[in-house]
Amino acid sequence: MRFEERELKPYAEPVTASELKEGEVYFAVNNVDNKMLIPTMETVVFAGRNLDPDDVGKVYFQDIDSYLQGIRHDSTLEDDRIMLSCGSENETKHIFTFENALNELMKCALRRRKAQSTG
């Protein structure tokens, strides 16, 4: 099996807050170390903006498991199975489309390869 070759940009290409679409699946990619060798990735669904009446400039993401079970943030029932994360719409630099999340993981793989060859 072979994956197509691609040129990886030296910078990340996250989704901007204005590009987010309700109900769309995105990928939160973070690194847990300073050398960016240990990534984490979480699949999330964009639930919307300013879901609470007092919100200003907030974006909400729902966990994929509860979303696939049909549980929605606007349900009238309180449901402990839903996990919503909320943050500023100015802080979405870790949210990616699938292709760009994959690019971030490939860049991590190259950093890991380099660290192993020099260490």
N, C-alpha and C. Protein backbone atom coordinates (compact mmCIF):
# COMPACT_ATOMS: atom_id res chain seq x y z
N MET A 1 0.85 -1.17 0.00
CA MET A 1 0.00 0.00 0.00
C MET A 1 0.90 1.24 0.00
N ARG A 2 0.53 2.22 -0.78
CA ARG A 2 1.33 3.44 -0.86
C ARG A 2 0.40 4.64 -0.75
N PHE A 3 0.85 5.62 0.02
CA PHE A 3 0.09 6.86 0.19
C PHE A 3 0.71 7.91 -0.72
N GLU A 4 -0.13 8.74 -1.31
CA GLU A 4 0.41 9.73 -2.25
C GLU A 4 1.41 10.67 -1.58
N GLU A 5 2.39 11.05 -2.36
CA GLU A 5 3.41 11.98 -1.89
C GLU A 5 2.81 13.38 -1.87
N ARG A 6 3.22 14.16 -0.89
CA ARG A 6 2.75 15.54 -0.82
C ARG A 6 3.81 16.43 -0.19
N GLU A 7 3.75 17.68 -0.54
CA GLU A 7 4.63 18.68 0.04
C GLU A 7 3.95 19.21 1.30
N LEU A 8 4.64 19.13 2.43
CA LEU A 8 4.09 19.61 3.69
C LEU A 8 4.56 21.03 3.95
N LYS A 9 3.63 21.89 4.26
CA LYS A 9 3.98 23.28 4.57
C LYS A 9 4.61 23.34 5.95
N PRO A 10 5.53 24.27 6.18
CA PRO A 10 6.20 24.36 7.48
C PRO A 10 5.31 24.96 8.57
N TYR A 11 4.13 25.37 8.23
CA TYR A 11 3.21 25.97 9.20
C TYR A 11 1.89 25.19 9.21
N ALA A 12 1.17 25.32 10.29
CA ALA A 12 -0.12 24.63 10.43
C ALA A 12 -1.19 25.39 9.65
N GLU A 13 -2.21 24.66 9.22
CA GLU A 13 -3.34 25.25 8.51
C GLU A 13 -4.65 24.88 9.21
N PRO A 14 -4.88 25.46 10.38
CA PRO A 14 -6.12 25.16 11.09
C PRO A 14 -7.32 25.82 10.41
N VAL A 15 -8.49 25.38 10.80
CA VAL A 15 -9.72 25.99 10.33
C VAL A 15 -9.89 27.31 11.07
N THR A 16 -10.29 28.36 10.38
CA THR A 16 -10.57 29.61 11.07
C THR A 16 -11.97 29.55 11.64
N ALA A 17 -12.23 30.34 12.64
CA ALA A 17 -13.56 30.34 13.27
C ALA A 17 -14.65 30.64 12.26
N SER A 18 -14.38 31.51 11.31
CA SER A 18 -15.40 31.86 10.32
C SER A 18 -15.70 30.72 9.35
N GLU A 19 -14.78 29.75 9.23
CA GLU A 19 -14.98 28.61 8.34
C GLU A 19 -15.75 27.46 8.99
N LEU A 20 -15.88 27.48 10.31
CA LEU A 20 -16.55 26.39 11.01
C LEU A 20 -18.02 26.29 10.61
N LYS A 21 -18.47 25.05 10.38
CA LYS A 21 -19.86 24.82 10.00
C LYS A 21 -20.50 23.86 11.00
N GLU A 22 -21.66 24.23 11.50
CA GLU A 22 -22.37 23.39 12.47
C GLU A 22 -22.62 22.00 11.90
N GLY A 23 -22.38 20.99 12.75
CA GLY A 23 -22.60 19.62 12.35
C GLY A 23 -21.46 18.99 11.58
N GLU A 24 -20.42 19.76 11.27
CA GLU A 24 -19.26 19.23 10.55
C GLU A 24 -18.26 18.62 11.53
N VAL A 25 -17.57 17.58 11.08
CA VAL A 25 -16.57 16.90 11.88
C VAL A 25 -15.22 17.58 11.68
N TYR A 26 -14.52 17.80 12.80
CA TYR A 26 -13.19 18.39 12.79
C TYR A 26 -12.28 17.57 13.71
N PHE A 27 -11.01 17.89 13.68
CA PHE A 27 -10.02 17.14 14.46
C PHE A 27 -9.18 18.12 15.26
N ALA A 28 -9.18 17.93 16.57
CA ALA A 28 -8.37 18.75 17.47
C ALA A 28 -7.02 18.05 17.63
N VAL A 29 -5.97 18.68 17.14
CA VAL A 29 -4.62 18.11 17.20
C VAL A 29 -3.79 18.97 18.14
N ASN A 30 -3.23 18.32 19.13
CA ASN A 30 -2.37 19.01 20.11
C ASN A 30 -1.12 18.16 20.33
N ASN A 31 -0.11 18.78 20.87
CA ASN A 31 1.10 18.06 21.27
C ASN A 31 1.27 18.23 22.76
N VAL A 32 1.68 17.16 23.42
CA VAL A 32 1.79 17.21 24.87
C VAL A 32 3.21 17.51 25.35
N ASP A 33 4.13 17.68 24.40
CA ASP A 33 5.51 17.97 24.76
C ASP A 33 6.02 19.17 23.96
N ASN A 34 7.07 19.81 24.46
CA ASN A 34 7.63 21.00 23.82
C ASN A 34 8.30 20.71 22.48
N LYS A 35 8.81 19.50 22.31
CA LYS A 35 9.47 19.14 21.06
C LYS A 35 8.48 18.74 19.97
N MET A 36 7.22 18.70 20.33
CA MET A 36 6.13 18.35 19.40
C MET A 36 6.33 16.95 18.80
N LEU A 37 6.68 16.00 19.68
CA LEU A 37 6.90 14.62 19.26
C LEU A 37 5.78 13.68 19.71
N ILE A 38 4.91 14.17 20.60
CA ILE A 38 3.83 13.34 21.13
C ILE A 38 2.50 14.04 20.87
N PRO A 39 1.85 13.66 19.77
CA PRO A 39 0.58 14.31 19.43
C PRO A 39 -0.61 13.61 20.07
N THR A 40 -1.67 14.36 20.23
CA THR A 40 -2.97 13.79 20.57
C THR A 40 -3.94 14.30 19.51
N MET A 41 -4.96 13.50 19.22
CA MET A 41 -5.97 13.91 18.26
C MET A 41 -7.33 13.48 18.76
N GLU A 42 -8.27 14.41 18.74
CA GLU A 42 -9.63 14.13 19.17
C GLU A 42 -10.59 14.54 18.06
N THR A 43 -11.53 13.66 17.75
CA THR A 43 -12.54 13.95 16.74
C THR A 43 -13.70 14.65 17.42
N VAL A 44 -14.07 15.82 16.87
CA VAL A 44 -15.14 16.63 17.45
C VAL A 44 -16.09 17.11 16.36
N VAL A 45 -17.26 17.54 16.77
CA VAL A 45 -18.25 18.09 15.86
C VAL A 45 -18.51 19.53 16.29
N PHE A 46 -18.52 20.44 15.33
CA PHE A 46 -18.80 21.83 15.67
C PHE A 46 -20.28 21.96 16.03
N ALA A 47 -20.53 22.37 17.28
CA ALA A 47 -21.91 22.46 17.78
C ALA A 47 -22.51 23.85 17.58
N GLY A 48 -21.69 24.87 17.46
CA GLY A 48 -22.22 26.20 17.21
C GLY A 48 -21.49 27.28 17.98
N ARG A 49 -22.00 28.49 17.83
CA ARG A 49 -21.42 29.67 18.47
C ARG A 49 -22.39 30.21 19.52
N ASN A 50 -21.81 30.74 20.59
CA ASN A 50 -22.57 31.48 21.59
C ASN A 50 -23.87 30.76 21.99
N LEU A 51 -23.72 29.54 22.48
CA LEU A 51 -24.88 28.71 22.81
C LEU A 51 -25.58 29.16 24.09
N ASP A 52 -24.88 29.82 24.97
CA ASP A 52 -25.50 30.38 26.16
C ASP A 52 -25.86 31.84 25.91
N PRO A 53 -26.93 32.32 26.49
CA PRO A 53 -27.37 33.70 26.24
C PRO A 53 -26.31 34.77 26.53
N ASP A 54 -25.44 34.52 27.50
CA ASP A 54 -24.41 35.51 27.87
C ASP A 54 -23.12 35.38 27.06
N ASP A 55 -23.06 34.42 26.17
CA ASP A 55 -21.83 34.18 25.40
C ASP A 55 -21.57 35.28 24.38
N VAL A 56 -20.29 35.59 24.23
CA VAL A 56 -19.84 36.49 23.18
C VAL A 56 -18.53 35.92 22.63
N GLY A 57 -18.50 35.61 21.35
CA GLY A 57 -17.27 35.13 20.73
C GLY A 57 -16.84 33.76 21.18
N LYS A 58 -17.77 32.88 21.52
CA LYS A 58 -17.43 31.53 21.96
C LYS A 58 -17.86 30.50 20.92
N VAL A 59 -17.05 29.46 20.79
CA VAL A 59 -17.37 28.34 19.91
C VAL A 59 -17.45 27.07 20.75
N TYR A 60 -18.33 26.17 20.33
CA TYR A 60 -18.57 24.93 21.06
C TYR A 60 -18.34 23.73 20.16
N PHE A 61 -17.69 22.71 20.74
CA PHE A 61 -17.46 21.46 20.05
C PHE A 61 -18.02 20.32 20.90
N GLN A 62 -18.65 19.36 20.23
CA GLN A 62 -19.23 18.20 20.91
C GLN A 62 -18.37 16.97 20.62
N ASP A 63 -18.28 16.07 21.58
CA ASP A 63 -17.54 14.84 21.37
C ASP A 63 -18.24 13.99 20.31
N ILE A 64 -17.46 13.27 19.54
CA ILE A 64 -18.01 12.49 18.42
C ILE A 64 -18.88 11.34 18.89
N ASP A 65 -18.56 10.73 20.03
CA ASP A 65 -19.34 9.58 20.50
C ASP A 65 -20.79 9.94 20.77
N SER A 66 -21.02 11.00 21.53
CA SER A 66 -22.40 11.39 21.82
C SER A 66 -23.11 11.88 20.57
N TYR A 67 -22.38 12.54 19.68
CA TYR A 67 -22.98 13.03 18.44
C TYR A 67 -23.49 11.86 17.59
N LEU A 68 -22.67 10.82 17.48
CA LEU A 68 -23.06 9.64 16.69
C LEU A 68 -24.22 8.87 17.33
N GLN A 69 -24.41 9.05 18.63
CA GLN A 69 -25.55 8.43 19.32
C GLN A 69 -26.83 9.25 19.12
N GLY A 70 -26.72 10.37 18.42
CA GLY A 70 -27.88 11.20 18.16
C GLY A 70 -28.16 12.24 19.23
N ILE A 71 -27.27 12.36 20.19
CA ILE A 71 -27.45 13.35 21.26
C ILE A 71 -26.97 14.70 20.75
N ARG A 72 -27.79 15.72 20.93
CA ARG A 72 -27.44 17.05 20.44
C ARG A 72 -27.42 18.03 21.60
N HIS A 73 -26.63 19.07 21.47
CA HIS A 73 -26.46 20.07 22.51
C HIS A 73 -27.76 20.80 22.81
N ASP A 74 -28.64 20.93 21.85
CA ASP A 74 -29.87 21.69 22.05
C ASP A 74 -31.04 20.81 22.50
N SER A 75 -30.74 19.59 22.87
CA SER A 75 -31.77 18.67 23.36
C SER A 75 -32.39 19.23 24.64
N THR A 76 -33.68 19.04 24.80
CA THR A 76 -34.34 19.52 26.01
C THR A 76 -34.05 18.63 27.20
N LEU A 77 -33.51 17.46 26.94
CA LEU A 77 -33.18 16.54 28.04
C LEU A 77 -31.75 16.76 28.49
N GLU A 78 -31.54 16.76 29.79
CA GLU A 78 -30.17 16.79 30.31
C GLU A 78 -29.59 15.41 30.08
N ASP A 79 -28.44 15.36 29.48
CA ASP A 79 -27.83 14.07 29.18
C ASP A 79 -26.36 14.10 29.59
N ASP A 80 -26.00 13.20 30.52
CA ASP A 80 -24.62 13.15 31.01
C ASP A 80 -23.65 12.59 29.96
N ARG A 81 -24.19 12.01 28.89
CA ARG A 81 -23.31 11.39 27.90
C ARG A 81 -22.69 12.39 26.94
N ILE A 82 -23.18 13.61 26.91
CA ILE A 82 -22.64 14.61 25.99
C ILE A 82 -21.48 15.37 26.64
N MET A 83 -20.45 15.60 25.87
CA MET A 83 -19.32 16.40 26.34
C MET A 83 -19.16 17.56 25.38
N LEU A 84 -19.36 18.76 25.88
CA LEU A 84 -19.16 19.96 25.09
C LEU A 84 -17.92 20.67 25.58
N SER A 85 -17.10 21.11 24.65
CA SER A 85 -15.97 21.96 25.03
C SER A 85 -16.22 23.33 24.42
N CYS A 86 -15.81 24.34 25.15
CA CYS A 86 -16.09 25.71 24.75
C CYS A 86 -14.80 26.50 24.82
N GLY A 87 -14.65 27.42 23.88
CA GLY A 87 -13.49 28.28 23.90
C GLY A 87 -13.73 29.53 23.08
N SER A 88 -12.78 30.40 23.10
CA SER A 88 -12.87 31.64 22.34
C SER A 88 -12.75 31.33 20.85
N GLU A 89 -13.51 32.04 20.04
CA GLU A 89 -13.40 31.85 18.60
C GLU A 89 -12.04 32.30 18.08
N ASN A 90 -11.26 32.99 18.91
CA ASN A 90 -9.90 33.39 18.54
C ASN A 90 -8.86 32.33 18.88
N GLU A 91 -9.31 31.22 19.47
CA GLU A 91 -8.37 30.17 19.90
C GLU A 91 -8.73 28.83 19.28
N THR A 92 -8.75 28.79 17.96
CA THR A 92 -9.08 27.54 17.25
C THR A 92 -7.89 27.04 16.43
N LYS A 93 -6.69 27.41 16.83
CA LYS A 93 -5.50 27.04 16.07
C LYS A 93 -5.16 25.55 16.14
N HIS A 94 -5.91 24.80 16.93
CA HIS A 94 -5.68 23.37 17.04
C HIS A 94 -6.80 22.56 16.35
N ILE A 95 -7.72 23.24 15.67
CA ILE A 95 -8.84 22.58 15.01
C ILE A 95 -8.56 22.49 13.51
N PHE A 96 -8.65 21.27 12.97
CA PHE A 96 -8.28 21.02 11.59
C PHE A 96 -9.33 20.20 10.85
N THR A 97 -9.34 20.35 9.52
CA THR A 97 -10.05 19.39 8.67
C THR A 97 -9.24 18.11 8.70
N PHE A 98 -9.80 17.03 8.17
CA PHE A 98 -9.09 15.75 8.20
C PHE A 98 -7.74 15.84 7.48
N GLU A 99 -7.74 16.38 6.26
CA GLU A 99 -6.49 16.44 5.49
C GLU A 99 -5.42 17.24 6.20
N ASN A 100 -5.78 18.37 6.78
CA ASN A 100 -4.78 19.19 7.46
C ASN A 100 -4.36 18.58 8.79
N ALA A 101 -5.24 17.84 9.46
CA ALA A 101 -4.84 17.10 10.66
C ALA A 101 -3.83 16.02 10.28
N LEU A 102 -4.10 15.35 9.17
CA LEU A 102 -3.17 14.33 8.67
C LEU A 102 -1.81 14.95 8.37
N ASN A 103 -1.81 16.13 7.77
CA ASN A 103 -0.54 16.82 7.50
C ASN A 103 0.23 17.08 8.80
N GLU A 104 -0.48 17.50 9.84
CA GLU A 104 0.17 17.75 11.13
C GLU A 104 0.76 16.47 11.71
N LEU A 105 0.06 15.36 11.57
CA LEU A 105 0.57 14.08 12.07
C LEU A 105 1.77 13.62 11.24
N MET A 106 1.75 13.87 9.94
CA MET A 106 2.91 13.50 9.11
C MET A 106 4.13 14.34 9.47
N LYS A 107 3.92 15.63 9.75
CA LYS A 107 5.05 16.47 10.18
C LYS A 107 5.60 15.97 11.50
N CYS A 108 4.72 15.51 12.38
CA CYS A 108 5.17 14.94 13.65
C CYS A 108 5.98 13.67 13.39
N ALA A 109 5.54 12.85 12.46
CA ALA A 109 6.27 11.62 12.13
C ALA A 109 7.68 11.96 11.63
N LEU A 110 7.82 13.00 10.84
CA LEU A 110 9.14 13.42 10.36
C LEU A 110 10.01 13.94 11.50
N ARG A 111 9.41 14.71 12.42
CA ARG A 111 10.17 15.19 13.59
C ARG A 111 10.64 14.02 14.44
N ARG A 112 9.78 13.02 14.62
CA ARG A 112 10.14 11.85 15.41
C ARG A 112 11.28 11.07 14.76
N ARG A 113 11.17 10.93 13.43
CA ARG A 113 12.22 10.22 12.68
C ARG A 113 13.56 10.94 12.86
N LYS A 114 13.54 12.27 12.74
CA LYS A 114 14.76 13.06 12.88
C LYS A 114 15.30 12.93 14.31
N ALA A 115 14.43 12.98 15.31
CA ALA A 115 14.87 12.87 16.71
C ALA A 115 15.50 11.51 16.98
N GLN A 116 14.96 10.46 16.38
CA GLN A 116 15.51 9.11 16.58
C GLN A 116 16.87 8.96 15.90
N SER A 117 17.03 9.61 14.76
CA SER A 117 18.30 9.46 14.04
C SER A 117 19.42 10.28 14.68
N THR A 118 19.08 11.34 15.39
CA THR A 118 20.10 12.18 16.03
C THR A 118 20.29 11.82 17.50
N GLY A 119 19.39 11.03 18.05
CA GLY A 119 19.47 10.74 19.48
C GLY A 119 19.91 9.38 19.71
